[in-house]
Amino acid sequence: KDVQDGSVELIDKLNILPEGGVGEELCLSASGNV
């Protein structure tokens, strides 16, 4: 929610919450090459 619109390219989505679990959407971003 704190990531500015269009500021990063999202290459995938990973959900590791248990079924019915509650968490938050995080953005794990790389700047430069890794």
All heavy atoms as atom14 arrays in JSON, in Angstrom:
{
  "sequence": "KDVQDGSVELIDKLNILPEGGVGEELCLSASGNV",
  "atom14_mask": [
    [1, 1, 1, 1, 1, 1, 1, 1, 1, 0, 0, 0, 0, 0],
    [1, 1, 1, 1, 1, 1, 1, 1, 0, 0, 0, 0, 0, 0],
    [1, 1, 1, 1, 1, 1, 1, 0, 0, 0, 0, 0, 0, 0],
    [1, 1, 1, 1, 1, 1, 1, 1, 1, 0, 0, 0, 0, 0],
    [1, 1, 1, 1, 1, 1, 1, 1, 0, 0, 0, 0, 0, 0],
    [1, 1, 1, 1, 0, 0, 0, 0, 0, 0, 0, 0, 0, 0],
    [1, 1, 1, 1, 1, 1, 0, 0, 0, 0, 0, 0, 0, 0],
    [1, 1, 1, 1, 1, 1, 1, 0, 0, 0, 0, 0, 0, 0],
    [1, 1, 1, 1, 1, 1, 1, 1, 1, 0, 0, 0, 0, 0],
    [1, 1, 1, 1, 1, 1, 1, 1, 0, 0, 0, 0, 0, 0],
    [1, 1, 1, 1, 1, 1, 1, 1, 0, 0, 0, 0, 0, 0],
    [1, 1, 1, 1, 1, 1, 1, 1, 0, 0, 0, 0, 0, 0],
    [1, 1, 1, 1, 1, 1, 1, 1, 1, 0, 0, 0, 0, 0],
    [1, 1, 1, 1, 1, 1, 1, 1, 0, 0, 0, 0, 0, 0],
    [1, 1, 1, 1, 1, 1, 1, 1, 0, 0, 0, 0, 0, 0],
    [1, 1, 1, 1, 1, 1, 1, 1, 0, 0, 0, 0, 0, 0],
    [1, 1, 1, 1, 1, 1, 1, 1, 0, 0, 0, 0, 0, 0],
    [1, 1, 1, 1, 1, 1, 1, 0, 0, 0, 0, 0, 0, 0],
    [1, 1, 1, 1, 1, 1, 1, 1, 1, 0, 0, 0, 0, 0],
    [1, 1, 1, 1, 0, 0, 0, 0, 0, 0, 0, 0, 0, 0],
    [1, 1, 1, 1, 0, 0, 0, 0, 0, 0, 0, 0, 0, 0],
    [1, 1, 1, 1, 1, 1, 1, 0, 0, 0, 0, 0, 0, 0],
    [1, 1, 1, 1, 0, 0, 0, 0, 0, 0, 0, 0, 0, 0],
    [1, 1, 1, 1, 1, 1, 1, 1, 1, 0, 0, 0, 0, 0],
    [1, 1, 1, 1, 1, 1, 1, 1, 1, 0, 0, 0, 0, 0],
    [1, 1, 1, 1, 1, 1, 1, 1, 0, 0, 0, 0, 0, 0],
    [1, 1, 1, 1, 1, 1, 0, 0, 0, 0, 0, 0, 0, 0],
    [1, 1, 1, 1, 1, 1, 1, 1, 0, 0, 0, 0, 0, 0],
    [1, 1, 1, 1, 1, 1, 0, 0, 0, 0, 0, 0, 0, 0],
    [1, 1, 1, 1, 1, 0, 0, 0, 0, 0, 0, 0, 0, 0],
    [1, 1, 1, 1, 1, 1, 0, 0, 0, 0, 0, 0, 0, 0],
    [1, 1, 1, 1, 0, 0, 0, 0, 0, 0, 0, 0, 0, 0],
    [1, 1, 1, 1, 1, 1, 1, 1, 0, 0, 0, 0, 0, 0],
    [1, 1, 1, 1, 1, 1, 1, 0, 0, 0, 0, 0, 0, 0]
  ],
  "atom14_positions": [
    [[0.82, -1.21, 0.0], [0.0, 0.0, 0.0], [0.85, 1.26, 0.0], [0.37, 2.35, -0.34], [-0.93, 0.0, 1.21], [-0.21, 0.02, 2.55], [-1.17, -0.09, 3.71], [-0.41, -0.08, 5.05], [-1.34, -0.23, 6.21], [0.0, 0.0, 0.0], [0.0, 0.0, 0.0], [0.0, 0.0, 0.0], [0.0, 0.0, 0.0], [0.0, 0.0, 0.0]],
    [[2.13, 1.1, 0.38], [3.02, 2.26, 0.41], [3.84, 2.41, -0.87], [4.69, 3.3, -0.96], [3.98, 2.15, 1.6], [3.25, 2.18, 2.94], [2.18, 2.82, 3.0], [3.74, 1.56, 3.9], [0.0, 0.0, 0.0], [0.0, 0.0, 0.0], [0.0, 0.0, 0.0], [0.0, 0.0, 0.0], [0.0, 0.0, 0.0], [0.0, 0.0, 0.0]],
    [[3.6, 1.53, -1.85], [4.34, 1.6, -3.11], [3.59, 2.51, -4.07], [2.39, 2.33, -4.32], [4.51, 0.2, -3.72], [5.19, 0.29, -5.08], [5.29, -0.71, -2.79], [0.0, 0.0, 0.0], [0.0, 0.0, 0.0], [0.0, 0.0, 0.0], [0.0, 0.0, 0.0], [0.0, 0.0, 0.0], [0.0, 0.0, 0.0], [0.0, 0.0, 0.0]],
    [[4.29, 3.47, -4.61], [3.67, 4.41, -5.54], [3.27, 3.7, -6.82], [4.02, 2.88, -7.36], [4.65, 5.55, -5.85], [4.09, 6.62, -6.77], [5.09, 7.72, -7.03], [6.19, 7.71, -6.49], [4.71, 8.67, -7.87], [0.0, 0.0, 0.0], [0.0, 0.0, 0.0], [0.0, 0.0, 0.0], [0.0, 0.0, 0.0], [0.0, 0.0, 0.0]],
    [[2.1, 4.02, -7.32], [1.6, 3.4, -8.55], [2.61, 3.54, -9.69], [3.12, 4.63, -9.95], [0.28, 4.04, -8.98], [-0.89, 3.63, -8.1], [-0.67, 2.78, -7.21], [-1.99, 4.16, -8.29], [0.0, 0.0, 0.0], [0.0, 0.0, 0.0], [0.0, 0.0, 0.0], [0.0, 0.0, 0.0], [0.0, 0.0, 0.0], [0.0, 0.0, 0.0]],
    [[2.88, 2.4, -10.35], [3.74, 2.41, -11.52], [5.22, 2.57, -11.23], [6.01, 2.71, -12.17], [0.0, 0.0, 0.0], [0.0, 0.0, 0.0], [0.0, 0.0, 0.0], [0.0, 0.0, 0.0], [0.0, 0.0, 0.0], [0.0, 0.0, 0.0], [0.0, 0.0, 0.0], [0.0, 0.0, 0.0], [0.0, 0.0, 0.0], [0.0, 0.0, 0.0]],
    [[5.62, 2.53, -9.98], [7.02, 2.77, -9.65], [7.88, 1.53, -9.75], [9.11, 1.63, -9.69], [7.12, 3.34, -8.23], [6.63, 2.4, -7.27], [0.0, 0.0, 0.0], [0.0, 0.0, 0.0], [0.0, 0.0, 0.0], [0.0, 0.0, 0.0], [0.0, 0.0, 0.0], [0.0, 0.0, 0.0], [0.0, 0.0, 0.0], [0.0, 0.0, 0.0]],
    [[7.28, 0.36, -9.9], [8.06, -0.87, -9.95], [7.34, -1.9, -10.82], [6.11, -1.91, -10.88], [8.28, -1.44, -8.51], [6.97, -1.87, -7.88], [9.27, -2.6, -8.53], [0.0, 0.0, 0.0], [0.0, 0.0, 0.0], [0.0, 0.0, 0.0], [0.0, 0.0, 0.0], [0.0, 0.0, 0.0], [0.0, 0.0, 0.0], [0.0, 0.0, 0.0]],
    [[8.12, -2.73, -11.5], [7.55, -3.82, -12.3], [7.42, -5.06, -11.42], [8.4, -5.54, -10.84], [8.47, -4.14, -13.48], [7.96, -5.32, -14.31], [9.04, -5.9, -15.21], [10.23, -5.66, -14.95], [8.67, -6.6, -16.16], [0.0, 0.0, 0.0], [0.0, 0.0, 0.0], [0.0, 0.0, 0.0], [0.0, 0.0, 0.0], [0.0, 0.0, 0.0]],
    [[6.21, -5.59, -11.31], [5.96, -6.79, -10.53], [6.06, -8.01, -11.44], [5.35, -8.11, -12.44], [4.57, -6.74, -9.9], [4.4, -5.67, -8.82], [2.94, -5.47, -8.49], [5.2, -6.03, -7.58], [0.0, 0.0, 0.0], [0.0, 0.0, 0.0], [0.0, 0.0, 0.0], [0.0, 0.0, 0.0], [0.0, 0.0, 0.0], [0.0, 0.0, 0.0]],
    [[6.96, -8.93, -11.11], [7.16, -10.1, -11.97], [6.4, -11.32, -11.49], [6.22, -12.28, -12.24], [8.65, -10.44, -12.1], [9.26, -10.82, -10.73], [9.42, -9.3, -12.74], [10.66, -11.39, -10.84], [0.0, 0.0, 0.0], [0.0, 0.0, 0.0], [0.0, 0.0, 0.0], [0.0, 0.0, 0.0], [0.0, 0.0, 0.0], [0.0, 0.0, 0.0]],
    [[5.92, -11.31, -10.24], [5.19, -12.48, -9.74], [4.51, -12.14, -8.42], [4.79, -11.11, -7.8], [6.14, -13.66, -9.55], [5.41, -15.0, -9.51], [4.19, -15.03, -9.76], [6.07, -16.02, -9.23], [0.0, 0.0, 0.0], [0.0, 0.0, 0.0], [0.0, 0.0, 0.0], [0.0, 0.0, 0.0], [0.0, 0.0, 0.0], [0.0, 0.0, 0.0]],
    [[3.62, -13.03, -8.03], [2.9, -12.9, -6.77], [3.0, -14.23, -6.03], [2.8, -15.29, -6.61], [1.43, -12.56, -7.03], [0.54, -12.59, -5.8], [-0.91, -12.28, -6.2], [-1.85, -12.4, -5.0], [-3.24, -12.11, -5.38], [0.0, 0.0, 0.0], [0.0, 0.0, 0.0], [0.0, 0.0, 0.0], [0.0, 0.0, 0.0], [0.0, 0.0, 0.0]],
    [[3.34, -14.18, -4.75], [3.48, -15.39, -3.94], [2.65, -15.26, -2.68], [2.83, -14.31, -1.9], [4.96, -15.61, -3.57], [5.28, -16.86, -2.73], [4.98, -18.13, -3.52], [6.72, -16.85, -2.26], [0.0, 0.0, 0.0], [0.0, 0.0, 0.0], [0.0, 0.0, 0.0], [0.0, 0.0, 0.0], [0.0, 0.0, 0.0], [0.0, 0.0, 0.0]],
    [[1.75, -16.21, -2.48], [0.89, -16.22, -1.29], [1.32, -17.37, -0.4], [1.17, -18.54, -0.77], [-0.57, -16.38, -1.71], [-1.53, -16.31, -0.53], [-1.11, -16.31, 0.63], [-2.81, -16.23, -0.81], [0.0, 0.0, 0.0], [0.0, 0.0, 0.0], [0.0, 0.0, 0.0], [0.0, 0.0, 0.0], [0.0, 0.0, 0.0], [0.0, 0.0, 0.0]],
    [[1.86, -17.08, 0.77], [2.26, -18.13, 1.7], [1.5, -18.03, 3.02], [1.97, -18.49, 4.05], [3.79, -18.11, 1.96], [4.26, -16.73, 2.41], [4.54, -18.52, 0.7], [5.74, -16.7, 2.77], [0.0, 0.0, 0.0], [0.0, 0.0, 0.0], [0.0, 0.0, 0.0], [0.0, 0.0, 0.0], [0.0, 0.0, 0.0], [0.0, 0.0, 0.0]],
    [[0.32, -17.45, 2.95], [-0.56, -17.43, 4.11], [-1.27, -18.78, 4.24], [-1.62, -19.39, 3.23], [-1.62, -16.34, 3.98], [-1.15, -14.89, 4.13], [-2.29, -13.95, 3.76], [-0.69, -14.62, 5.56], [0.0, 0.0, 0.0], [0.0, 0.0, 0.0], [0.0, 0.0, 0.0], [0.0, 0.0, 0.0], [0.0, 0.0, 0.0], [0.0, 0.0, 0.0]],
    [[-1.48, -19.25, 5.45], [-2.3, -20.46, 5.61], [-3.72, -20.16, 5.16], [-4.15, -19.0, 5.09], [-2.23, -20.74, 7.12], [-1.89, -19.42, 7.74], [-1.03, -18.71, 6.74], [0.0, 0.0, 0.0], [0.0, 0.0, 0.0], [0.0, 0.0, 0.0], [0.0, 0.0, 0.0], [0.0, 0.0, 0.0], [0.0, 0.0, 0.0], [0.0, 0.0, 0.0]],
    [[-4.45, -21.21, 4.83], [-5.82, -21.04, 4.36], [-6.63, -20.29, 5.4], [-6.69, -20.68, 6.57], [-6.47, -22.4, 4.08], [-7.84, -22.29, 3.45], [-8.4, -23.65, 3.07], [-7.67, -24.65, 3.18], [-9.57, -23.71, 2.66], [0.0, 0.0, 0.0], [0.0, 0.0, 0.0], [0.0, 0.0, 0.0], [0.0, 0.0, 0.0], [0.0, 0.0, 0.0]],
    [[-7.23, -19.2, 4.99], [-7.99, -18.38, 5.92], [-7.14, -17.46, 6.76], [-7.66, -16.72, 7.6], [0.0, 0.0, 0.0], [0.0, 0.0, 0.0], [0.0, 0.0, 0.0], [0.0, 0.0, 0.0], [0.0, 0.0, 0.0], [0.0, 0.0, 0.0], [0.0, 0.0, 0.0], [0.0, 0.0, 0.0], [0.0, 0.0, 0.0], [0.0, 0.0, 0.0]],
    [[-5.82, -17.49, 6.54], [-4.92, -16.66, 7.33], [-5.0, -15.2, 6.96], [-5.42, -14.84, 5.86], [0.0, 0.0, 0.0], [0.0, 0.0, 0.0], [0.0, 0.0, 0.0], [0.0, 0.0, 0.0], [0.0, 0.0, 0.0], [0.0, 0.0, 0.0], [0.0, 0.0, 0.0], [0.0, 0.0, 0.0], [0.0, 0.0, 0.0], [0.0, 0.0, 0.0]],
    [[-4.56, -14.36, 7.87], [-4.6, -12.92, 7.68], [-3.17, -12.39, 7.68], [-2.37, -12.73, 8.54], [-5.41, -12.22, 8.79], [-5.39, -10.71, 8.6], [-6.84, -12.74, 8.8], [0.0, 0.0, 0.0], [0.0, 0.0, 0.0], [0.0, 0.0, 0.0], [0.0, 0.0, 0.0], [0.0, 0.0, 0.0], [0.0, 0.0, 0.0], [0.0, 0.0, 0.0]],
    [[-2.86, -11.57, 6.71], [-1.54, -10.97, 6.64], [-1.61, -9.68, 5.86], [-2.65, -9.03, 5.79], [0.0, 0.0, 0.0], [0.0, 0.0, 0.0], [0.0, 0.0, 0.0], [0.0, 0.0, 0.0], [0.0, 0.0, 0.0], [0.0, 0.0, 0.0], [0.0, 0.0, 0.0], [0.0, 0.0, 0.0], [0.0, 0.0, 0.0], [0.0, 0.0, 0.0]],
    [[-0.5, -9.3, 5.26], [-0.45, -8.06, 4.5], [0.32, -8.28, 3.21], [1.21, -9.13, 3.14], [0.22, -6.96, 5.31], [0.15, -5.6, 4.62], [0.56, -4.46, 5.53], [0.84, -4.71, 6.71], [0.6, -3.32, 5.04], [0.0, 0.0, 0.0], [0.0, 0.0, 0.0], [0.0, 0.0, 0.0], [0.0, 0.0, 0.0], [0.0, 0.0, 0.0]],
    [[-0.04, -7.52, 2.18], [0.68, -7.57, 0.92], [1.95, -6.75, 1.04], [1.9, -5.55, 1.35], [-0.19, -7.04, -0.22], [-1.36, -7.94, -0.55], [-2.17, -7.4, -1.71], [-2.07, -6.2, -1.99], [-2.89, -8.21, -2.33], [0.0, 0.0, 0.0], [0.0, 0.0, 0.0], [0.0, 0.0, 0.0], [0.0, 0.0, 0.0], [0.0, 0.0, 0.0]],
    [[3.08, -7.4, 0.78], [4.37, -6.74, 0.86], [4.97, -6.64, -0.53], [4.67, -7.45, -1.42], [5.32, -7.49, 1.78], [4.83, -7.78, 3.2], [5.89, -8.55, 3.96], [4.48, -6.49, 3.91], [0.0, 0.0, 0.0], [0.0, 0.0, 0.0], [0.0, 0.0, 0.0], [0.0, 0.0, 0.0], [0.0, 0.0, 0.0], [0.0, 0.0, 0.0]],
    [[5.85, -5.68, -0.71], [6.58, -5.51, -1.97], [8.06, -5.73, -1.69], [8.68, -4.96, -0.96], [6.34, -4.12, -2.54], [7.21, -3.82, -4.1], [0.0, 0.0, 0.0], [0.0, 0.0, 0.0], [0.0, 0.0, 0.0], [0.0, 0.0, 0.0], [0.0, 0.0, 0.0], [0.0, 0.0, 0.0], [0.0, 0.0, 0.0], [0.0, 0.0, 0.0]],
    [[8.6, -6.81, -2.26], [10.02, -7.14, -2.12], [10.69, -6.74, -3.43], [10.6, -7.45, -4.43], [10.16, -8.64, -1.85], [11.53, -9.18, -1.45], [12.03, -8.5, -0.19], [11.45, -10.68, -1.24], [0.0, 0.0, 0.0], [0.0, 0.0, 0.0], [0.0, 0.0, 0.0], [0.0, 0.0, 0.0], [0.0, 0.0, 0.0], [0.0, 0.0, 0.0]],
    [[11.32, -5.59, -3.44], [11.8, -5.01, -4.69], [13.32, -4.98, -4.76], [14.0, -4.74, -3.76], [11.25, -3.59, -4.87], [11.69, -2.75, -3.82], [0.0, 0.0, 0.0], [0.0, 0.0, 0.0], [0.0, 0.0, 0.0], [0.0, 0.0, 0.0], [0.0, 0.0, 0.0], [0.0, 0.0, 0.0], [0.0, 0.0, 0.0], [0.0, 0.0, 0.0]],
    [[13.84, -5.26, -5.96], [15.28, -5.23, -6.21], [15.61, -3.97, -7.01], [15.0, -3.7, -8.04], [15.71, -6.45, -6.99], [0.0, 0.0, 0.0], [0.0, 0.0, 0.0], [0.0, 0.0, 0.0], [0.0, 0.0, 0.0], [0.0, 0.0, 0.0], [0.0, 0.0, 0.0], [0.0, 0.0, 0.0], [0.0, 0.0, 0.0], [0.0, 0.0, 0.0]],
    [[16.58, -3.22, -6.52], [17.1, -2.09, -7.29], [18.47, -2.5, -7.82], [19.32, -2.96, -7.07], [17.21, -0.85, -6.41], [18.06, -1.07, -5.31], [0.0, 0.0, 0.0], [0.0, 0.0, 0.0], [0.0, 0.0, 0.0], [0.0, 0.0, 0.0], [0.0, 0.0, 0.0], [0.0, 0.0, 0.0], [0.0, 0.0, 0.0], [0.0, 0.0, 0.0]],
    [[18.67, -2.39, -9.12], [19.89, -2.91, -9.72], [19.73, -4.4, -10.0], [18.64, -4.96, -9.86], [0.0, 0.0, 0.0], [0.0, 0.0, 0.0], [0.0, 0.0, 0.0], [0.0, 0.0, 0.0], [0.0, 0.0, 0.0], [0.0, 0.0, 0.0], [0.0, 0.0, 0.0], [0.0, 0.0, 0.0], [0.0, 0.0, 0.0], [0.0, 0.0, 0.0]],
    [[20.81, -5.06, -10.37], [20.76, -6.47, -10.74], [21.14, -7.37, -9.58], [22.19, -7.18, -8.95], [21.7, -6.75, -11.92], [21.26, -6.06, -13.19], [20.07, -5.79, -13.38], [22.2, -5.76, -14.08], [0.0, 0.0, 0.0], [0.0, 0.0, 0.0], [0.0, 0.0, 0.0], [0.0, 0.0, 0.0], [0.0, 0.0, 0.0], [0.0, 0.0, 0.0]],
    [[20.31, -8.36, -9.32], [20.6, -9.4, -8.33], [20.28, -10.75, -8.98], [19.47, -10.82, -9.91], [19.77, -9.22, -7.04], [20.24, -8.0, -6.27], [18.28, -9.11, -7.36], [0.0, 0.0, 0.0], [0.0, 0.0, 0.0], [0.0, 0.0, 0.0], [0.0, 0.0, 0.0], [0.0, 0.0, 0.0], [0.0, 0.0, 0.0], [0.0, 0.0, 0.0]]
  ]
}
